[in-house]
Amino acid sequence: MAEIQHGPAELGAEMDYPEHERTYHGFTFLVKWGTIVLSALMIAMAFAFFAAGWFSGVILFALIMAAAVFFA
């Protein structure tokens, strides 16, 4: 049978909180900008396909990304 432990449980090494926070902020940064870029790309592709052509789609993508950098 298993031994019964009456003392404090072994929790392993202490948490490296600065590294944890840096990783978390990096992950949220990549998720935010990945979502913005993919959304802008999809909007520009739909605009180019249904409305104006590929050159207008590229210009719209650049405008959306400029607005995202300004507002985010």
C-alpha atoms as a PDB file:
ATOM      1  CA  MET A   1       0.000   0.000   0.000  1.00  0.00           C
ATOM      2  CA  ALA A   2       1.002   3.595  -0.394  1.00  0.00           C
ATOM      3  CA  GLU A   3       2.624   5.404   2.460  1.00  0.00           C
ATOM      4  CA  ILE A   4       0.544   8.034   4.209  1.00  0.00           C
ATOM      5  CA  GLN A   5       2.236  11.429   4.153  1.00  0.00           C
ATOM      6  CA  HIS A   6       1.607  13.708   7.113  1.00  0.00           C
ATOM      7  CA  GLY A   7       3.970  16.523   6.229  1.00  0.00           C
ATOM      8  CA  PRO A   8       3.794  19.165   3.497  1.00  0.00           C
ATOM      9  CA  ALA A   9       3.429  17.815  -0.008  1.00  0.00           C
ATOM     10  CA  GLU A  10       6.372  18.166  -2.363  1.00  0.00           C
ATOM     11  CA  LEU A  11       5.453  20.910  -4.811  1.00  0.00           C
ATOM     12  CA  GLY A  12       8.576  20.850  -6.935  1.00  0.00           C
ATOM     13  CA  ALA A  13      10.707  23.828  -7.820  1.00  0.00           C
ATOM     14  CA  GLU A  14       9.473  27.327  -7.156  1.00  0.00           C
ATOM     15  CA  MET A  15       7.622  29.062  -9.959  1.00  0.00           C
ATOM     16  CA  ASP A  16       9.661  31.483 -12.063  1.00  0.00           C
ATOM     17  CA  TYR A  17       6.997  34.210 -12.185  1.00  0.00           C
ATOM     18  CA  PRO A  18       8.871  36.744 -14.348  1.00  0.00           C
ATOM     19  CA  GLU A  19       9.475  34.085 -17.004  1.00  0.00           C
ATOM     20  CA  HIS A  20       5.860  32.927 -16.756  1.00  0.00           C
ATOM     21  CA  GLU A  21       4.557  36.471 -17.226  1.00  0.00           C
ATOM     22  CA  ARG A  22       6.931  37.106 -20.134  1.00  0.00           C
ATOM     23  CA  THR A  23       5.718  33.939 -21.869  1.00  0.00           C
ATOM     24  CA  TYR A  24       2.079  34.857 -21.243  1.00  0.00           C
ATOM     25  CA  HIS A  25       2.520  38.372 -22.640  1.00  0.00           C
ATOM     26  CA  GLY A  26       4.328  36.991 -25.687  1.00  0.00           C
ATOM     27  CA  PHE A  27       1.523  34.510 -26.310  1.00  0.00           C
ATOM     28  CA  THR A  28      -1.214  37.138 -26.007  1.00  0.00           C
ATOM     29  CA  PHE A  29       0.771  39.488 -28.282  1.00  0.00           C
ATOM     30  CA  LEU A  30       1.023  36.810 -30.976  1.00  0.00           C
ATOM     31  CA  VAL A  31      -2.649  35.863 -30.673  1.00  0.00           C
ATOM     32  CA  LYS A  32      -3.765  39.504 -30.908  1.00  0.00           C
ATOM     33  CA  TRP A  33      -1.633  40.371 -33.931  1.00  0.00           C
ATOM     34  CA  GLY A  34      -2.247  37.023 -35.610  1.00  0.00           C
ATOM     35  CA  THR A  35      -5.981  37.611 -35.366  1.00  0.00           C
ATOM     36  CA  ILE A  36      -5.657  41.160 -36.688  1.00  0.00           C
ATOM     37  CA  VAL A  37      -3.485  40.129 -39.649  1.00  0.00           C
ATOM     38  CA  LEU A  38      -5.661  37.171 -40.617  1.00  0.00           C
ATOM     39  CA  SER A  39      -8.849  39.221 -40.313  1.00  0.00           C
ATOM     40  CA  ALA A  40      -7.386  42.013 -42.452  1.00  0.00           C
ATOM     41  CA  LEU A  41      -6.216  39.472 -45.009  1.00  0.00           C
ATOM     42  CA  MET A  42      -9.635  37.817 -45.242  1.00  0.00           C
ATOM     43  CA  ILE A  43     -11.414  41.169 -45.609  1.00  0.00           C
ATOM     44  CA  ALA A  44      -8.965  42.325 -48.286  1.00  0.00           C
ATOM     45  CA  MET A  45      -9.263  39.036 -50.179  1.00  0.00           C
ATOM     46  CA  ALA A  46     -13.061  39.201 -50.146  1.00  0.00           C
ATOM     47  CA  PHE A  47     -12.953  42.834 -51.286  1.00  0.00           C
ATOM     48  CA  ALA A  48     -10.516  42.001 -54.077  1.00  0.00           C
ATOM     49  CA  PHE A  49     -12.549  39.031 -55.259  1.00  0.00           C
ATOM     50  CA  PHE A  50     -16.035  40.546 -55.107  1.00  0.00           C
ATOM     51  CA  ALA A  51     -15.431  44.222 -55.769  1.00  0.00           C
ATOM     52  CA  ALA A  52     -12.321  45.661 -57.285  1.00  0.00           C
ATOM     53  CA  GLY A  53      -9.371  43.412 -58.088  1.00  0.00           C
ATOM     54  CA  TRP A  54      -6.133  42.341 -56.491  1.00  0.00           C
ATOM     55  CA  PHE A  55      -4.433  45.757 -56.449  1.00  0.00           C
ATOM     56  CA  SER A  56      -7.318  47.325 -54.540  1.00  0.00           C
ATOM     57  CA  GLY A  57      -7.253  44.376 -52.147  1.00  0.00           C
ATOM     58  CA  VAL A  58      -3.571  44.962 -51.412  1.00  0.00           C
ATOM     59  CA  ILE A  59      -4.227  48.651 -50.776  1.00  0.00           C
ATOM     60  CA  LEU A  60      -7.158  47.816 -48.488  1.00  0.00           C
ATOM     61  CA  PHE A  61      -4.988  45.329 -46.573  1.00  0.00           C
ATOM     62  CA  ALA A  62      -2.328  48.013 -46.068  1.00  0.00           C
ATOM     63  CA  LEU A  63      -4.951  50.502 -44.874  1.00  0.00           C
ATOM     64  CA  ILE A  64      -6.477  48.038 -42.423  1.00  0.00           C
ATOM     65  CA  MET A  65      -3.048  47.161 -41.029  1.00  0.00           C
ATOM     66  CA  ALA A  66      -2.137  50.849 -40.681  1.00  0.00           C
ATOM     67  CA  ALA A  67      -5.390  51.447 -38.791  1.00  0.00           C
ATOM     68  CA  ALA A  68      -4.724  48.417 -36.576  1.00  0.00           C
ATOM     69  CA  VAL A  69      -1.233  49.644 -35.691  1.00  0.00           C
ATOM     70  CA  PHE A  70      -2.629  53.088 -34.911  1.00  0.00           C
ATOM     71  CA  PHE A  71      -5.533  51.868 -32.751  1.00  0.00           C
ATOM     72  CA  ALA A  72      -3.941  48.827 -31.125  1.00  0.00           C
END
